[in-house]
Amino acid sequence: MDVRGSLVCVGTGMMLGAHICPRARGHIEQADVVFLAVSDPLVELWVQGMNADVRSLQPLYAEGKSRRDTYGEMVESMLVEVRAGKHVCGAFYGHPGVFALAPHLAIERAREEGFEASMEPGVSAEDCLYADLGIDPGTYGCQHYEASQFMLYQRRIDPSAYLILWQVGLAGDRSLRRFSTSSAERQLLVDLLAQDYPLDHPVIAYEAATLPITQPRQERFPLSALPTMELNLQTTLVVPPACPMQPNQDLRQKLELLGTVANRAAASFHHQPQRTHHVKRNTFS
């Protein structure tokens, strides 16, 4: 009997033991082998308690080694076992599809090779950010960018919405080989942001809590202080709106005109004389 391998990538959530969903736990428990990509040894021990064959992908990272090479090795490690006919689970920190390239590449490769592959969502740092900072993205809108990508490409910024820059501790990195960048590179980010925000504009360095006994980082400071702040791999920079939303008067007038036309059409329809249908009645004597 030909046993076909499969791959599913799941998220363990941000907080140890608190954010994992039942489907993700089920995949970890039922897999033939689990590949784990988390940097916290406590999380690793916790996942090892769910499955007898848990293999860490963290040793593939190294200072000076391109993350592209690391991601390629992660993908190949999982695919080797899928090709061997095993049901493989890749367990990733937070959400497996958010700032995690390897799961996307592995699923794509597995499907190209004819294997069943899927992804299960998890609680991400973005989810925690909204809850911890009390932000509703539907109120003013949110713009999300990876910090280095934001710097290296021309992006249109709306200062009346939230601006959220991920991996700000790596701002300006082009090598994909470092785990932090210098204050000089962060100053270039400040200079770029200063085109739309005043230097004294308050910003927030955010880090989600990973243990129930810890608190999330919510450090507020002026934009100008960013180069000297302690920034980690997991630090996210939140830039609140700096100005009110500006009404689009031209579009509002067009919508008003459309509403007027629609109301007139509806009124005309209701004032038309109603046709009555006469039913011939049969009488019997």
C-alpha atoms as a PDB file:
ATOM      1  CA  MET A   1       0.000   0.000   0.000  1.00  0.00           C
ATOM      2  CA  ASP A   2       1.410   3.391  -1.041  1.00  0.00           C
ATOM      3  CA  VAL A   3       1.434   5.703   1.980  1.00  0.00           C
ATOM      4  CA  ARG A   4       1.466   9.333   0.986  1.00  0.00           C
ATOM      5  CA  GLY A   5       3.128  11.880   3.217  1.00  0.00           C
ATOM      6  CA  SER A   6       1.511  15.188   4.156  1.00  0.00           C
ATOM      7  CA  LEU A   7       2.448  18.505   5.683  1.00  0.00           C
ATOM      8  CA  VAL A   8       0.574  20.900   7.922  1.00  0.00           C
ATOM      9  CA  CYS A   9       2.059  24.068   9.392  1.00  0.00           C
ATOM     10  CA  VAL A  10       0.493  25.315  12.626  1.00  0.00           C
ATOM     11  CA  GLY A  11       1.003  28.186  15.050  1.00  0.00           C
ATOM     12  CA  THR A  12       1.771  27.753  18.735  1.00  0.00           C
ATOM     13  CA  GLY A  13       0.580  31.290  19.507  1.00  0.00           C
ATOM     14  CA  MET A  14       2.532  33.949  21.349  1.00  0.00           C
ATOM     15  CA  MET A  15       1.970  33.007  25.006  1.00  0.00           C
ATOM     16  CA  LEU A  16       3.176  29.644  26.261  1.00  0.00           C
ATOM     17  CA  GLY A  17       0.252  27.208  26.524  1.00  0.00           C
ATOM     18  CA  ALA A  18      -2.408  29.925  26.344  1.00  0.00           C
ATOM     19  CA  HIS A  19      -2.837  30.682  22.641  1.00  0.00           C
ATOM     20  CA  ILE A  20      -2.679  27.340  20.876  1.00  0.00           C
ATOM     21  CA  CYS A  21      -5.956  26.285  19.261  1.00  0.00           C
ATOM     22  CA  PRO A  22      -7.402  22.748  19.466  1.00  0.00           C
ATOM     23  CA  ARG A  23      -6.778  22.008  15.768  1.00  0.00           C
ATOM     24  CA  ALA A  24      -3.114  22.997  16.037  1.00  0.00           C
ATOM     25  CA  ARG A  25      -2.668  20.878  19.166  1.00  0.00           C
ATOM     26  CA  GLY A  26      -4.340  17.943  17.436  1.00  0.00           C
ATOM     27  CA  HIS A  27      -1.978  18.159  14.462  1.00  0.00           C
ATOM     28  CA  ILE A  28       1.057  18.262  16.764  1.00  0.00           C
ATOM     29  CA  GLU A  29      -0.158  15.286  18.784  1.00  0.00           C
ATOM     30  CA  GLN A  30      -1.072  13.142  15.757  1.00  0.00           C
ATOM     31  CA  ALA A  31       1.933  13.873  13.530  1.00  0.00           C
ATOM     32  CA  ASP A  32       4.624  11.289  12.848  1.00  0.00           C
ATOM     33  CA  VAL A  33       7.244  14.006  13.266  1.00  0.00           C
ATOM     34  CA  VAL A  34       7.059  17.631  14.417  1.00  0.00           C
ATOM     35  CA  PHE A  35       9.527  20.282  13.274  1.00  0.00           C
ATOM     36  CA  LEU A  36       9.600  23.149  15.733  1.00  0.00           C
ATOM     37  CA  ALA A  37      10.734  26.711  14.986  1.00  0.00           C
ATOM     38  CA  VAL A  38      10.680  28.620  18.286  1.00  0.00           C
ATOM     39  CA  SER A  39      13.541  30.273  20.154  1.00  0.00           C
ATOM     40  CA  ASP A  40      12.156  29.759  23.669  1.00  0.00           C
ATOM     41  CA  PRO A  41      13.404  26.548  25.376  1.00  0.00           C
ATOM     42  CA  LEU A  42      10.285  26.465  27.573  1.00  0.00           C
ATOM     43  CA  VAL A  43       8.067  26.329  24.490  1.00  0.00           C
ATOM     44  CA  GLU A  44      10.254  23.577  23.084  1.00  0.00           C
ATOM     45  CA  LEU A  45       9.842  21.486  26.253  1.00  0.00           C
ATOM     46  CA  TRP A  46       6.076  22.107  26.186  1.00  0.00           C
ATOM     47  CA  VAL A  47       5.746  20.906  22.586  1.00  0.00           C
ATOM     48  CA  GLN A  48       7.943  17.872  23.319  1.00  0.00           C
ATOM     49  CA  GLY A  49       5.293  16.841  25.818  1.00  0.00           C
ATOM     50  CA  MET A  50       2.763  16.507  22.982  1.00  0.00           C
ATOM     51  CA  ASN A  51       4.766  14.317  20.612  1.00  0.00           C
ATOM     52  CA  ALA A  52       7.593  11.809  20.942  1.00  0.00           C
ATOM     53  CA  ASP A  53       9.448  13.030  17.818  1.00  0.00           C
ATOM     54  CA  VAL A  54       9.991  16.798  17.992  1.00  0.00           C
ATOM     55  CA  ARG A  55      12.950  18.243  16.094  1.00  0.00           C
ATOM     56  CA  SER A  56      14.069  21.841  16.562  1.00  0.00           C
ATOM     57  CA  LEU A  57      14.808  23.960  13.497  1.00  0.00           C
ATOM     58  CA  GLN A  58      16.486  26.716  15.541  1.00  0.00           C
ATOM     59  CA  PRO A  59      20.052  25.320  15.169  1.00  0.00           C
ATOM     60  CA  LEU A  60      19.821  26.134  11.457  1.00  0.00           C
ATOM     61  CA  TYR A  61      20.114  29.845  12.325  1.00  0.00           C
ATOM     62  CA  ALA A  62      23.624  31.264  12.716  1.00  0.00           C
ATOM     63  CA  GLU A  63      25.202  34.710  12.945  1.00  0.00           C
ATOM     64  CA  GLY A  64      26.599  35.651   9.536  1.00  0.00           C
ATOM     65  CA  LYS A  65      24.541  32.989   7.736  1.00  0.00           C
ATOM     66  CA  SER A  66      21.938  34.196   5.269  1.00  0.00           C
ATOM     67  CA  ARG A  67      18.401  33.644   6.498  1.00  0.00           C
ATOM     68  CA  ARG A  68      17.514  32.627   2.943  1.00  0.00           C
ATOM     69  CA  ASP A  69      19.830  29.615   3.364  1.00  0.00           C
ATOM     70  CA  THR A  70      18.287  28.851   6.755  1.00  0.00           C
ATOM     71  CA  TYR A  71      14.754  28.938   5.355  1.00  0.00           C
ATOM     72  CA  GLY A  72      15.774  26.666   2.492  1.00  0.00           C
ATOM     73  CA  GLU A  73      17.214  24.144   4.941  1.00  0.00           C
ATOM     74  CA  MET A  74      14.054  24.273   7.049  1.00  0.00           C
ATOM     75  CA  VAL A  75      11.916  23.536   4.004  1.00  0.00           C
ATOM     76  CA  GLU A  76      14.114  20.641   2.903  1.00  0.00           C
ATOM     77  CA  SER A  77      14.189  19.140   6.416  1.00  0.00           C
ATOM     78  CA  MET A  78      10.391  18.934   6.448  1.00  0.00           C
ATOM     79  CA  LEU A  79      10.044  17.788   2.845  1.00  0.00           C
ATOM     80  CA  VAL A  80      12.482  14.895   3.318  1.00  0.00           C
ATOM     81  CA  GLU A  81      10.113  13.353   5.851  1.00  0.00           C
ATOM     82  CA  VAL A  82       7.020  14.128   3.752  1.00  0.00           C
ATOM     83  CA  ARG A  83       8.602  12.303   0.793  1.00  0.00           C
ATOM     84  CA  ALA A  84       9.271   9.375   3.123  1.00  0.00           C
ATOM     85  CA  GLY A  85       5.515   9.019   3.612  1.00  0.00           C
ATOM     86  CA  LYS A  86       5.255  10.634   7.032  1.00  0.00           C
ATOM     87  CA  HIS A  87       2.597  12.994   8.293  1.00  0.00           C
ATOM     88  CA  VAL A  88       4.690  16.043   9.150  1.00  0.00           C
ATOM     89  CA  CYS A  89       3.724  19.006  11.306  1.00  0.00           C
ATOM     90  CA  GLY A  90       5.700  22.234  11.256  1.00  0.00           C
ATOM     91  CA  ALA A  91       5.039  24.197  14.455  1.00  0.00           C
ATOM     92  CA  PHE A  92       5.951  27.869  14.322  1.00  0.00           C
ATOM     93  CA  TYR A  93       5.894  30.691  16.834  1.00  0.00           C
ATOM     94  CA  GLY A  94       2.733  32.816  16.720  1.00  0.00           C
ATOM     95  CA  HIS A  95       0.981  32.467  13.370  1.00  0.00           C
ATOM     96  CA  PRO A  96       2.769  30.193  10.855  1.00  0.00           C
ATOM     97  CA  GLY A  97       1.975  32.520   7.972  1.00  0.00           C
ATOM     98  CA  VAL A  98       2.901  35.865   9.545  1.00  0.00           C
ATOM     99  CA  PHE A  99       6.550  36.905   9.141  1.00  0.00           C
ATOM    100  CA  ALA A 100       7.439  33.261   8.648  1.00  0.00           C
ATOM    101  CA  LEU A 101       8.651  32.519   5.125  1.00  0.00           C
ATOM    102  CA  ALA A 102       9.592  28.857   5.582  1.00  0.00           C
ATOM    103  CA  PRO A 103       6.006  27.567   6.119  1.00  0.00           C
ATOM    104  CA  HIS A 104       4.787  29.259   2.935  1.00  0.00           C
ATOM    105  CA  LEU A 105       7.717  27.867   0.941  1.00  0.00           C
ATOM    106  CA  ALA A 106       7.315  24.366   2.398  1.00  0.00           C
ATOM    107  CA  ILE A 107       3.588  24.212   1.650  1.00  0.00           C
ATOM    108  CA  GLU A 108       4.148  25.486  -1.879  1.00  0.00           C
ATOM    109  CA  ARG A 109       6.914  22.934  -2.509  1.00  0.00           C
ATOM    110  CA  ALA A 110       4.884  20.064  -1.047  1.00  0.00           C
ATOM    111  CA  ARG A 111       1.902  20.862  -3.253  1.00  0.00           C
ATOM    112  CA  GLU A 112       4.108  21.146  -6.326  1.00  0.00           C
ATOM    113  CA  GLU A 113       5.376  17.642  -5.581  1.00  0.00           C
ATOM    114  CA  GLY A 114       1.827  16.324  -5.268  1.00  0.00           C
ATOM    115  CA  PHE A 115       1.531  16.082  -1.491  1.00  0.00           C
ATOM    116  CA  GLU A 116      -1.331  17.308   0.651  1.00  0.00           C
ATOM    117  CA  ALA A 117      -0.278  20.456   2.500  1.00  0.00           C
ATOM    118  CA  SER A 118      -2.156  23.062   4.533  1.00  0.00           C
ATOM    119  CA  MET A 119      -1.781  25.782   7.146  1.00  0.00           C
ATOM    120  CA  GLU A 120      -3.653  26.337  10.404  1.00  0.00           C
ATOM    121  CA  PRO A 121      -3.767  29.900  11.786  1.00  0.00           C
ATOM    122  CA  GLY A 122      -2.457  30.883  15.180  1.00  0.00           C
ATOM    123  CA  VAL A 123      -2.538  33.868  17.524  1.00  0.00           C
ATOM    124  CA  SER A 124       0.032  36.311  16.135  1.00  0.00           C
ATOM    125  CA  ALA A 125       1.895  39.279  17.568  1.00  0.00           C
ATOM    126  CA  GLU A 126      -0.503  41.477  15.589  1.00  0.00           C
ATOM    127  CA  ASP A 127      -3.487  39.988  17.430  1.00  0.00           C
ATOM    128  CA  CYS A 128      -1.787  40.621  20.772  1.00  0.00           C
ATOM    129  CA  LEU A 129      -0.847  44.159  19.725  1.00  0.00           C
ATOM    130  CA  TYR A 130      -4.456  45.105  19.049  1.00  0.00           C
ATOM    131  CA  ALA A 131      -5.541  43.717  22.414  1.00  0.00           C
ATOM    132  CA  ASP A 132      -2.685  45.117  24.519  1.00  0.00           C
ATOM    133  CA  LEU A 133      -2.624  48.609  22.992  1.00  0.00           C
ATOM    134  CA  GLY A 134      -6.399  48.913  22.636  1.00  0.00           C
ATOM    135  CA  ILE A 135      -6.252  49.502  18.886  1.00  0.00           C
ATOM    136  CA  ASP A 136      -9.208  48.777  16.624  1.00  0.00           C
ATOM    137  CA  PRO A 137      -7.853  48.723  13.047  1.00  0.00           C
ATOM    138  CA  GLY A 138     -11.279  49.696  11.781  1.00  0.00           C
ATOM    139  CA  THR A 139     -11.243  53.080  13.540  1.00  0.00           C
ATOM    140  CA  TYR A 140      -8.447  54.877  11.683  1.00  0.00           C
ATOM    141  CA  GLY A 141      -6.947  52.062   9.603  1.00  0.00           C
ATOM    142  CA  CYS A 142      -3.553  50.363   9.915  1.00  0.00           C
ATOM    143  CA  GLN A 143      -0.550  50.276   7.608  1.00  0.00           C
ATOM    144  CA  HIS A 144       1.788  47.322   8.152  1.00  0.00           C
ATOM    145  CA  TYR A 145       5.311  47.074   6.760  1.00  0.00           C
ATOM    146  CA  GLU A 146       8.483  45.191   7.521  1.00  0.00           C
ATOM    147  CA  ALA A 147      10.865  47.925   8.654  1.00  0.00           C
ATOM    148  CA  SER A 148      13.685  47.309   6.168  1.00  0.00           C
ATOM    149  CA  GLN A 149      11.270  46.887   3.272  1.00  0.00           C
ATOM    150  CA  PHE A 150       9.651  50.166   4.279  1.00  0.00           C
ATOM    151  CA  MET A 151      13.041  51.857   4.047  1.00  0.00           C
ATOM    152  CA  LEU A 152      14.206  50.258   0.810  1.00  0.00           C
ATOM    153  CA  TYR A 153      11.090  50.912  -1.268  1.00  0.00           C
ATOM    154  CA  GLN A 154       8.956  53.960  -1.871  1.00  0.00           C
ATOM    155  CA  ARG A 155       5.708  53.563   0.053  1.00  0.00           C
ATOM    156  CA  ARG A 156       2.768  55.949   0.308  1.00  0.00           C
ATOM    157  CA  ILE A 157       2.113  56.756   3.969  1.00  0.00           C
ATOM    158  CA  ASP A 158      -1.122  58.076   5.443  1.00  0.00           C
ATOM    159  CA  PRO A 159      -0.256  59.811   8.748  1.00  0.00           C
ATOM    160  CA  SER A 160      -3.934  59.839   9.748  1.00  0.00           C
ATOM    161  CA  ALA A 161      -3.790  56.033  10.177  1.00  0.00           C
ATOM    162  CA  TYR A 162      -1.652  53.809  12.404  1.00  0.00           C
ATOM    163  CA  LEU A 163       1.733  52.861  10.966  1.00  0.00           C
ATOM    164  CA  ILE A 164       3.105  49.550  12.248  1.00  0.00           C
ATOM    165  CA  LEU A 165       6.695  48.603  11.426  1.00  0.00           C
ATOM    166  CA  TRP A 166       7.694  45.014  12.132  1.00  0.00           C
ATOM    167  CA  GLN A 167      11.204  43.827  13.000  1.00  0.00           C
ATOM    168  CA  VAL A 168      12.342  47.380  13.652  1.00  0.00           C
ATOM    169  CA  GLY A 169      15.447  46.017  15.394  1.00  0.00           C
ATOM    170  CA  LEU A 170      16.626  44.940  11.931  1.00  0.00           C
ATOM    171  CA  ALA A 171      15.745  48.243  10.254  1.00  0.00           C
ATOM    172  CA  GLY A 172      18.041  48.856   7.301  1.00  0.00           C
ATOM    173  CA  ASP A 173      19.466  45.323   7.092  1.00  0.00           C
ATOM    174  CA  ARG A 174      20.096  44.257   3.484  1.00  0.00           C
ATOM    175  CA  SER A 175      22.304  41.242   4.151  1.00  0.00           C
ATOM    176  CA  LEU A 176      19.778  38.935   5.859  1.00  0.00           C
ATOM    177  CA  ARG A 177      22.773  37.833   7.939  1.00  0.00           C
ATOM    178  CA  ARG A 178      22.469  40.030  11.043  1.00  0.00           C
ATOM    179  CA  PHE A 179      20.249  39.922  14.117  1.00  0.00           C
ATOM    180  CA  SER A 180      20.370  43.683  14.772  1.00  0.00           C
ATOM    181  CA  THR A 181      21.322  46.942  13.082  1.00  0.00           C
ATOM    182  CA  SER A 182      23.106  50.080  14.271  1.00  0.00           C
ATOM    183  CA  SER A 183      21.799  53.377  15.589  1.00  0.00           C
ATOM    184  CA  ALA A 184      23.005  55.011  12.357  1.00  0.00           C
ATOM    185  CA  GLU A 185      20.713  52.793  10.301  1.00  0.00           C
ATOM    186  CA  ARG A 186      17.821  53.478  12.666  1.00  0.00           C
ATOM    187  CA  GLN A 187      18.502  57.191  12.319  1.00  0.00           C
ATOM    188  CA  LEU A 188      17.899  56.805   8.589  1.00  0.00           C
ATOM    189  CA  LEU A 189      14.501  55.336   9.455  1.00  0.00           C
ATOM    190  CA  VAL A 190      13.786  58.337  11.701  1.00  0.00           C
ATOM    191  CA  ASP A 191      14.781  60.696   8.880  1.00  0.00           C
ATOM    192  CA  LEU A 192      12.387  58.892   6.551  1.00  0.00           C
ATOM    193  CA  LEU A 193       9.514  59.000   9.034  1.00  0.00           C
ATOM    194  CA  ALA A 194      10.201  62.678   9.736  1.00  0.00           C
ATOM    195  CA  GLN A 195       8.897  63.442   6.253  1.00  0.00           C
ATOM    196  CA  ASP A 196       5.386  62.652   7.563  1.00  0.00           C
ATOM    197  CA  TYR A 197       5.676  62.865  11.366  1.00  0.00           C
ATOM    198  CA  PRO A 198       7.141  65.485  13.748  1.00  0.00           C
ATOM    199  CA  LEU A 199      10.236  64.355  15.626  1.00  0.00           C
ATOM    200  CA  ASP A 200       8.442  64.739  18.956  1.00  0.00           C
ATOM    201  CA  HIS A 201       5.570  62.522  17.809  1.00  0.00           C
ATOM    202  CA  PRO A 202       4.989  59.760  20.418  1.00  0.00           C
ATOM    203  CA  VAL A 203       5.643  56.210  19.211  1.00  0.00           C
ATOM    204  CA  ILE A 204       5.512  52.813  20.941  1.00  0.00           C
ATOM    205  CA  ALA A 205       8.007  49.937  21.090  1.00  0.00           C
ATOM    206  CA  TYR A 206       5.823  46.851  21.466  1.00  0.00           C
ATOM    207  CA  GLU A 207       6.643  43.240  22.343  1.00  0.00           C
ATOM    208  CA  ALA A 208       3.959  40.650  23.111  1.00  0.00           C
ATOM    209  CA  ALA A 209       4.120  38.736  26.384  1.00  0.00           C
ATOM    210  CA  THR A 210       5.278  35.142  25.942  1.00  0.00           C
ATOM    211  CA  LEU A 211       4.625  33.882  29.481  1.00  0.00           C
ATOM    212  CA  PRO A 212       1.516  34.312  31.663  1.00  0.00           C
ATOM    213  CA  ILE A 213       3.692  35.824  34.408  1.00  0.00           C
ATOM    214  CA  THR A 214       5.182  38.546  32.172  1.00  0.00           C
ATOM    215  CA  GLN A 215       3.779  41.785  30.819  1.00  0.00           C
ATOM    216  CA  PRO A 216       3.919  43.011  27.220  1.00  0.00           C
ATOM    217  CA  ARG A 217       6.382  45.762  26.425  1.00  0.00           C
ATOM    218  CA  GLN A 218       4.579  49.046  25.692  1.00  0.00           C
ATOM    219  CA  GLU A 219       7.353  51.618  25.859  1.00  0.00           C
ATOM    220  CA  ARG A 220       6.401  55.108  24.707  1.00  0.00           C
ATOM    221  CA  PHE A 221       8.969  57.672  23.568  1.00  0.00           C
ATOM    222  CA  PRO A 222       9.371  60.460  20.981  1.00  0.00           C
ATOM    223  CA  LEU A 223      10.245  59.428  17.438  1.00  0.00           C
ATOM    224  CA  SER A 224      13.589  61.219  17.691  1.00  0.00           C
ATOM    225  CA  ALA A 225      14.720  58.793  20.447  1.00  0.00           C
ATOM    226  CA  LEU A 226      14.341  55.666  18.290  1.00  0.00           C
ATOM    227  CA  PRO A 227      18.062  55.256  17.415  1.00  0.00           C
ATOM    228  CA  THR A 228      19.051  55.017  21.091  1.00  0.00           C
ATOM    229  CA  MET A 229      16.269  52.690  22.235  1.00  0.00           C
ATOM    230  CA  GLU A 230      16.803  49.006  23.020  1.00  0.00           C
ATOM    231  CA  LEU A 231      15.269  47.156  20.082  1.00  0.00           C
ATOM    232  CA  ASN A 232      15.087  43.366  19.820  1.00  0.00           C
ATOM    233  CA  LEU A 233      14.243  40.960  17.012  1.00  0.00           C
ATOM    234  CA  GLN A 234      10.652  40.800  18.237  1.00  0.00           C
ATOM    235  CA  THR A 235      10.210  44.565  18.722  1.00  0.00           C
ATOM    236  CA  THR A 236       7.454  46.234  16.697  1.00  0.00           C
ATOM    237  CA  LEU A 237       7.277  50.004  16.256  1.00  0.00           C
ATOM    238  CA  VAL A 238       3.763  51.459  16.478  1.00  0.00           C
ATOM    239  CA  VAL A 239       3.318  54.988  15.134  1.00  0.00           C
ATOM    240  CA  PRO A 240      -0.112  56.398  16.112  1.00  0.00           C
ATOM    241  CA  PRO A 241      -1.956  58.804  13.801  1.00  0.00           C
ATOM    242  CA  ALA A 242      -0.396  62.267  13.671  1.00  0.00           C
ATOM    243  CA  CYS A 243      -3.302  64.147  12.116  1.00  0.00           C
ATOM    244  CA  PRO A 244      -7.069  63.763  11.671  1.00  0.00           C
ATOM    245  CA  MET A 245      -8.573  62.048   8.655  1.00  0.00           C
ATOM    246  CA  GLN A 246      -9.344  64.498   5.845  1.00  0.00           C
ATOM    247  CA  PRO A 247     -12.815  64.242   4.260  1.00  0.00           C
ATOM    248  CA  ASN A 248     -12.889  63.419   0.561  1.00  0.00           C
ATOM    249  CA  GLN A 249     -15.384  66.117  -0.419  1.00  0.00           C
ATOM    250  CA  ASP A 250     -15.430  65.258  -4.120  1.00  0.00           C
ATOM    251  CA  LEU A 251     -16.364  61.633  -3.507  1.00  0.00           C
ATOM    252  CA  ARG A 252     -18.869  62.607  -0.826  1.00  0.00           C
ATOM    253  CA  GLN A 253     -20.655  64.867  -3.322  1.00  0.00           C
ATOM    254  CA  LYS A 254     -20.775  62.066  -5.876  1.00  0.00           C
ATOM    255  CA  LEU A 255     -22.217  59.668  -3.312  1.00  0.00           C
ATOM    256  CA  GLU A 256     -24.745  62.301  -2.268  1.00  0.00           C
ATOM    257  CA  LEU A 257     -25.806  62.704  -5.908  1.00  0.00           C
ATOM    258  CA  LEU A 258     -26.191  58.955  -6.317  1.00  0.00           C
ATOM    259  CA  GLY A 259     -28.286  58.854  -3.145  1.00  0.00           C
ATOM    260  CA  THR A 260     -30.520  61.665  -4.409  1.00  0.00           C
ATOM    261  CA  VAL A 261     -31.096  59.890  -7.734  1.00  0.00           C
ATOM    262  CA  ALA A 262     -31.853  56.608  -5.957  1.00  0.00           C
ATOM    263  CA  ASN A 263     -34.312  58.297  -3.591  1.00  0.00           C
ATOM    264  CA  ARG A 264     -36.128  59.972  -6.476  1.00  0.00           C
ATOM    265  CA  ALA A 265     -36.413  56.696  -8.337  1.00  0.00           C
ATOM    266  CA  ALA A 266     -37.823  54.981  -5.248  1.00  0.00           C
ATOM    267  CA  ALA A 267     -40.309  57.793  -4.641  1.00  0.00           C
ATOM    268  CA  SER A 268     -41.475  57.696  -8.256  1.00  0.00           C
ATOM    269  CA  PHE A 269     -42.044  53.956  -8.031  1.00  0.00           C
ATOM    270  CA  HIS A 270     -44.154  54.231  -4.871  1.00  0.00           C
ATOM    271  CA  HIS A 271     -46.362  56.982  -6.363  1.00  0.00           C
ATOM    272  CA  GLN A 272     -47.310  54.962  -9.434  1.00  0.00           C
ATOM    273  CA  PRO A 273     -50.964  53.842  -9.428  1.00  0.00           C
ATOM    274  CA  GLN A 274     -51.266  50.288  -8.279  1.00  0.00           C
ATOM    275  CA  ARG A 275     -52.838  47.888 -10.703  1.00  0.00           C
ATOM    276  CA  THR A 276     -55.670  45.822  -9.330  1.00  0.00           C
ATOM    277  CA  HIS A 277     -56.250  42.333 -10.545  1.00  0.00           C
ATOM    278  CA  HIS A 278     -59.952  41.390 -10.874  1.00  0.00           C
ATOM    279  CA  VAL A 279     -60.696  37.773 -10.205  1.00  0.00           C
ATOM    280  CA  LYS A 280     -63.758  36.402 -11.953  1.00  0.00           C
ATOM    281  CA  ARG A 281     -66.018  34.848  -9.358  1.00  0.00           C
ATOM    282  CA  ASN A 282     -68.092  31.803 -10.129  1.00  0.00           C
ATOM    283  CA  THR A 283     -71.536  31.763  -8.616  1.00  0.00           C
ATOM    284  CA  PHE A 284     -73.593  28.649  -8.128  1.00  0.00           C
ATOM    285  CA  SER A 285     -77.341  28.605  -7.662  1.00  0.00           C
END
